Amino acid sequence: MSGDKILGESESERKAAITAADGVGTSLLTKKDRSLLDSVFILIDENIRTIRYSLYAVGAIGALILARSLHVHKKFTKLSDIPVEFITKNISFRGHVKAVDRGHLLHVDHLPIYTLRWLPSGEGLLPVRLAGVRISPVGSKWLADKVMGNVVKVTPLQLVNDAMDSVVFLEKGFLRRSTCVNKALIEQGLCKVDYPDTLPSSDAYRRLLDSLIACETRADRKGKGLWGNRTTDITSQQRRWSLKNSWNWLCGKFVKRKS
């Protein structure tokens, strides 16, 4: 009986000793962690100004790189000034419509995002063509009345000869939805869709044409504008375009699967 009592006391003493040892180790580890954190905080406090200026410098360098890639201060005065990535990535820019020429070209004065006063601003207008739209005389008059002299957003799709096929948006001011000029002309029956002989390589261009065809179909059904007394049927043109588009889609799928 006494032996069991002695054994129990020794077992409890051993557990107490282990618990005490764990507590000492934990307190020592905590002290080391706190010492390390204190050292880090002291280092930051002593070099706070250097760290702050370094962050400012990194941010400024990043902003300069972004500004250079977007050409925020460069004014485009001719088509060759427009970077290739603006065309391939469909990067939009703003401009002021100065003239409507030959019934289908908008002559746009480019407005850079930011103008540097000490840099000379070039002179020249960009010839912009409304992609997918066959301009009619009534459509040309609408452009002269509604778009001429206003600020627009131009999304380039491709360069063709001496003009840039683009989607043009008429800006209406702050918090007001802009109007797509390409679609507006087709929706109101003022113009017809310009069906290309070959499918454009640009996906954005193909999506635009599909959207314009849908707008033309609605205008035809409602008898708007040119479709009020039409002499041609648009279904055959749409059918040819749909077949071309479907064939191109199937060929693209086959090439991707083969590669």
Protein backbone atom coordinates (compact mmCIF):
# COMPACT_ATOMS: atom_id res chain seq x y z
CA MET A 1 0.00 0.00 0.00
CA SER A 2 2.75 2.36 0.94
CA GLY A 3 4.70 1.27 -2.14
CA ASP A 4 1.80 2.23 -4.43
CA LYS A 5 1.58 5.58 -2.71
CA ILE A 6 5.26 6.23 -3.23
CA LEU A 7 4.98 5.17 -6.89
CA GLY A 8 2.03 7.54 -7.50
CA GLU A 9 3.85 10.44 -5.91
CA SER A 10 6.93 9.85 -8.08
CA GLU A 11 4.78 9.68 -11.22
CA SER A 12 3.06 12.98 -10.39
CA GLU A 13 6.39 14.61 -9.64
CA ARG A 14 7.75 13.46 -13.03
CA LYS A 15 4.77 14.92 -14.88
CA ALA A 16 5.11 18.17 -12.97
CA ALA A 17 8.79 18.32 -13.88
CA ILE A 18 8.00 17.75 -17.58
CA THR A 19 5.32 20.46 -17.54
CA ALA A 20 7.70 22.90 -15.90
CA ALA A 21 10.39 22.14 -18.47
CA ASP A 22 7.91 22.73 -21.33
CA GLY A 23 6.90 26.03 -19.79
CA VAL A 24 10.50 27.18 -19.54
CA GLY A 25 11.15 26.20 -23.19
CA THR A 26 8.04 28.04 -24.36
CA SER A 27 8.95 31.15 -22.43
CA LEU A 28 12.48 31.05 -23.83
CA LEU A 29 11.11 30.64 -27.40
CA THR A 30 8.72 33.49 -26.87
CA LYS A 31 11.55 35.70 -25.68
CA LYS A 32 13.55 34.86 -28.80
CA ASP A 33 10.58 35.65 -31.04
CA ARG A 34 9.96 38.92 -29.29
CA SER A 35 13.62 39.82 -29.52
CA LEU A 36 13.58 39.13 -33.26
CA LEU A 37 10.42 41.19 -33.80
CA ASP A 38 11.84 44.03 -31.74
CA SER A 39 14.96 44.00 -33.89
CA VAL A 40 12.86 44.14 -37.08
CA PHE A 41 10.75 47.03 -35.79
CA ILE A 42 13.84 48.93 -34.68
CA LEU A 43 15.40 48.43 -38.12
CA ILE A 44 12.24 49.72 -39.84
CA ASP A 45 12.01 52.73 -37.52
CA GLU A 46 15.63 53.65 -38.12
CA ASN A 47 15.24 53.39 -41.91
CA ILE A 48 11.62 54.44 -42.32
CA ARG A 49 12.50 57.41 -44.54
CA THR A 50 14.68 55.29 -46.84
CA ILE A 51 11.97 52.61 -47.11
CA ARG A 52 9.32 55.22 -47.84
CA TYR A 53 11.36 56.89 -50.58
CA SER A 54 12.18 53.50 -52.07
CA LEU A 55 8.47 52.67 -52.32
CA TYR A 56 7.82 56.04 -53.94
CA ALA A 57 10.61 55.39 -56.44
CA VAL A 58 9.25 51.95 -57.35
CA GLY A 59 5.76 53.38 -57.82
CA ALA A 60 7.08 56.22 -59.98
CA ILE A 61 9.07 53.83 -62.16
CA GLY A 62 6.02 51.62 -62.60
CA ALA A 63 3.88 54.61 -63.55
CA LEU A 64 6.47 55.76 -66.10
CA ILE A 65 6.63 52.30 -67.67
CA LEU A 66 2.83 52.17 -67.91
CA ALA A 67 2.65 55.68 -69.33
CA ARG A 68 5.28 54.86 -71.92
CA SER A 69 3.52 51.67 -73.00
CA LEU A 70 0.20 53.52 -73.38
CA HIS A 71 1.82 56.57 -75.04
CA VAL A 72 -0.21 58.84 -72.74
CA HIS A 73 1.54 62.02 -73.86
CA LYS A 74 2.12 61.23 -77.54
CA LYS A 75 -0.14 62.76 -80.14
CA PHE A 76 -0.93 60.61 -83.19
CA THR A 77 -0.95 62.74 -86.33
CA LYS A 78 -0.76 59.98 -88.95
CA LEU A 79 -1.49 56.26 -89.14
CA SER A 80 2.17 55.31 -88.88
CA ASP A 81 2.30 56.97 -85.44
CA ILE A 82 -0.16 54.45 -83.99
CA PRO A 83 1.69 51.58 -82.26
CA VAL A 84 1.07 48.07 -83.57
CA GLU A 85 -0.28 46.88 -80.21
CA PHE A 86 -3.06 49.46 -80.44
CA ILE A 87 -4.33 47.62 -83.52
CA THR A 88 -3.72 44.04 -82.41
CA LYS A 89 -5.08 44.57 -78.89
CA ASN A 90 -7.85 47.01 -79.92
CA ILE A 91 -6.69 49.74 -77.51
CA SER A 92 -9.03 52.73 -77.65
CA PHE A 93 -8.10 56.40 -77.79
CA ARG A 94 -10.07 59.64 -77.83
CA GLY A 95 -10.23 62.25 -80.52
CA HIS A 96 -12.13 65.23 -81.89
CA VAL A 97 -13.94 64.79 -85.22
CA LYS A 98 -12.88 67.66 -87.45
CA ALA A 99 -14.31 66.58 -90.81
CA VAL A 100 -16.41 63.94 -92.60
CA ASP A 101 -14.78 63.27 -95.94
CA ARG A 102 -15.99 61.33 -98.97
CA GLY A 103 -19.05 60.27 -97.04
CA HIS A 104 -17.36 57.50 -95.09
CA LEU A 105 -14.14 58.82 -93.53
CA LEU A 106 -13.97 60.63 -90.23
CA HIS A 107 -10.94 62.86 -89.84
CA VAL A 108 -10.08 62.70 -86.14
CA ASP A 109 -7.76 64.97 -84.19
CA HIS A 110 -6.18 62.69 -81.57
CA LEU A 111 -6.43 63.80 -77.94
CA PRO A 112 -3.57 62.39 -75.82
CA ILE A 113 -4.37 61.24 -72.28
CA TYR A 114 -1.91 63.76 -70.88
CA THR A 115 -0.32 66.71 -72.65
CA LEU A 116 3.14 67.97 -71.75
CA ARG A 117 3.28 71.69 -72.35
CA TRP A 118 6.98 71.81 -73.14
CA LEU A 119 6.63 69.17 -75.88
CA PRO A 120 5.50 70.40 -79.31
CA SER A 121 2.15 68.96 -80.39
CA GLY A 122 2.06 67.79 -83.98
CA GLU A 123 -0.63 68.62 -86.45
CA GLY A 124 -2.49 66.08 -88.51
CA LEU A 125 -5.78 64.19 -88.64
CA LEU A 126 -6.30 60.44 -88.54
CA PRO A 127 -8.49 58.95 -91.30
CA VAL A 128 -10.99 56.69 -89.51
CA ARG A 129 -13.46 54.46 -91.35
CA LEU A 130 -16.54 52.98 -89.68
CA ALA A 131 -15.90 49.24 -89.77
CA GLY A 132 -18.65 47.09 -91.27
CA VAL A 133 -20.77 50.04 -92.44
CA ARG A 134 -21.55 50.95 -96.05
CA ILE A 135 -22.17 54.67 -95.80
CA SER A 136 -25.16 56.02 -97.73
CA PRO A 137 -25.85 59.70 -98.53
CA VAL A 138 -28.38 59.89 -95.68
CA GLY A 139 -25.87 58.24 -93.37
CA SER A 140 -23.22 60.75 -94.38
CA LYS A 141 -25.59 63.59 -93.54
CA TRP A 142 -26.32 61.99 -90.13
CA LEU A 143 -22.59 61.85 -89.41
CA ALA A 144 -22.21 65.52 -90.34
CA ASP A 145 -25.10 66.47 -88.04
CA LYS A 146 -24.49 64.18 -85.05
CA VAL A 147 -20.78 63.33 -84.99
CA MET A 148 -19.03 66.24 -86.63
CA GLY A 149 -17.33 68.49 -84.07
CA ASN A 150 -17.80 66.07 -81.15
CA VAL A 151 -15.36 64.01 -79.08
CA VAL A 152 -15.36 60.28 -79.86
CA LYS A 153 -13.65 57.16 -78.63
CA VAL A 154 -11.98 55.18 -81.41
CA THR A 155 -11.29 51.45 -81.10
CA PRO A 156 -9.05 50.41 -84.03
CA LEU A 157 -9.60 47.00 -85.62
CA GLN A 158 -7.33 46.97 -88.65
CA LEU A 159 -5.48 49.18 -91.11
CA VAL A 160 -6.65 49.01 -94.71
CA ASN A 161 -4.84 51.07 -97.34
CA ASP A 162 -5.06 54.71 -96.30
CA ALA A 163 -7.60 54.41 -93.46
CA MET A 164 -8.18 52.67 -90.15
CA ASP A 165 -11.27 50.48 -89.78
CA SER A 166 -12.59 51.19 -86.30
CA VAL A 167 -15.51 51.10 -83.93
CA VAL A 168 -16.44 54.68 -83.03
CA PHE A 169 -18.28 55.66 -79.87
CA LEU A 170 -19.90 59.07 -79.49
CA GLU A 171 -19.34 60.35 -75.96
CA LYS A 172 -22.31 61.99 -74.23
CA GLY A 173 -20.67 63.25 -71.07
CA PHE A 174 -20.05 62.06 -67.54
CA LEU A 175 -22.13 59.07 -66.34
CA ARG A 176 -23.97 58.89 -69.66
CA ARG A 177 -23.71 55.84 -71.87
CA SER A 178 -21.81 56.41 -75.10
CA THR A 179 -23.38 55.58 -78.48
CA CYS A 180 -21.76 53.17 -80.91
CA VAL A 181 -21.89 55.07 -84.19
CA ASN A 182 -21.49 51.90 -86.27
CA LYS A 183 -24.55 50.28 -84.71
CA ALA A 184 -26.60 53.47 -84.61
CA LEU A 185 -26.37 53.90 -88.39
CA ILE A 186 -27.46 50.30 -89.00
CA GLU A 187 -30.18 50.20 -86.32
CA GLN A 188 -31.88 53.31 -87.70
CA GLY A 189 -31.78 51.96 -91.24
CA LEU A 190 -29.57 54.83 -92.40
CA CYS A 191 -26.86 52.50 -93.75
CA LYS A 192 -26.36 48.87 -94.68
CA VAL A 193 -23.81 46.35 -93.49
CA ASP A 194 -20.65 46.26 -95.58
CA TYR A 195 -20.10 42.53 -96.09
CA PRO A 196 -16.40 41.85 -96.76
CA ASP A 197 -15.33 39.42 -99.48
CA THR A 198 -13.02 37.64 -97.04
CA LEU A 199 -13.38 37.12 -93.32
CA PRO A 200 -11.38 39.60 -91.25
CA SER A 201 -8.53 38.14 -89.23
CA SER A 202 -9.57 40.15 -86.17
CA ASP A 203 -11.93 38.39 -83.75
CA ALA A 204 -13.23 41.77 -82.61
CA TYR A 205 -14.05 42.66 -86.23
CA ARG A 206 -15.99 39.41 -86.73
CA ARG A 207 -17.95 39.96 -83.52
CA LEU A 208 -18.78 43.49 -84.68
CA LEU A 209 -20.06 42.22 -88.03
CA ASP A 210 -22.27 39.63 -86.33
CA SER A 211 -23.71 42.37 -84.12
CA LEU A 212 -24.28 44.67 -87.11
CA ILE A 213 -26.08 41.90 -88.99
CA ALA A 214 -28.44 41.47 -86.03
CA CYS A 215 -29.08 45.24 -86.04
CA GLU A 216 -29.74 45.18 -89.78
CA THR A 217 -32.23 42.34 -89.39
CA ARG A 218 -34.20 44.28 -86.79
CA ALA A 219 -34.18 47.42 -88.96
CA ASP A 220 -35.41 45.35 -91.92
CA ARG A 221 -38.26 43.81 -89.93
CA LYS A 222 -39.39 47.21 -88.64
CA GLY A 223 -39.04 48.83 -92.05
CA LYS A 224 -36.74 51.58 -90.80
CA GLY A 225 -34.98 54.03 -93.09
CA LEU A 226 -33.64 52.39 -96.23
CA TRP A 227 -35.66 49.24 -95.52
CA GLY A 228 -38.99 51.05 -95.69
CA ASN A 229 -38.95 50.73 -99.47
CA ARG A 230 -36.15 48.29 -100.14
CA THR A 231 -35.42 46.74 -103.50
CA THR A 232 -32.88 44.11 -102.35
CA ASP A 233 -33.19 41.23 -99.96
CA ILE A 234 -30.60 41.04 -97.21
CA THR A 235 -31.20 37.39 -96.34
CA SER A 236 -28.97 36.11 -99.15
CA GLN A 237 -26.11 38.35 -98.03
CA GLN A 238 -26.54 37.22 -94.43
CA ARG A 239 -26.63 33.58 -95.52
CA ARG A 240 -23.35 33.94 -97.41
CA TRP A 241 -21.73 35.66 -94.42
CA SER A 242 -22.99 32.98 -92.01
CA LEU A 243 -21.59 30.21 -94.21
CA LYS A 244 -18.20 31.96 -94.41
CA ASN A 245 -18.15 32.52 -90.68
CA SER A 246 -19.11 28.91 -89.90
CA TRP A 247 -16.51 27.54 -92.31
CA ASN A 248 -13.80 29.70 -90.78
CA TRP A 249 -14.82 28.57 -87.27
CA LEU A 250 -14.67 24.88 -88.29
CA CYS A 251 -11.28 25.33 -89.97
CA GLY A 252 -9.93 27.07 -86.87
CA LYS A 253 -11.15 24.22 -84.64
CA PHE A 254 -9.55 21.63 -86.94
CA VAL A 255 -6.20 23.41 -87.03
CA LYS A 256 -6.12 23.78 -83.23
CA ARG A 257 -6.97 20.10 -82.73
CA LYS A 258 -4.35 19.01 -85.24
CA SER A 259 -1.62 21.16 -83.62
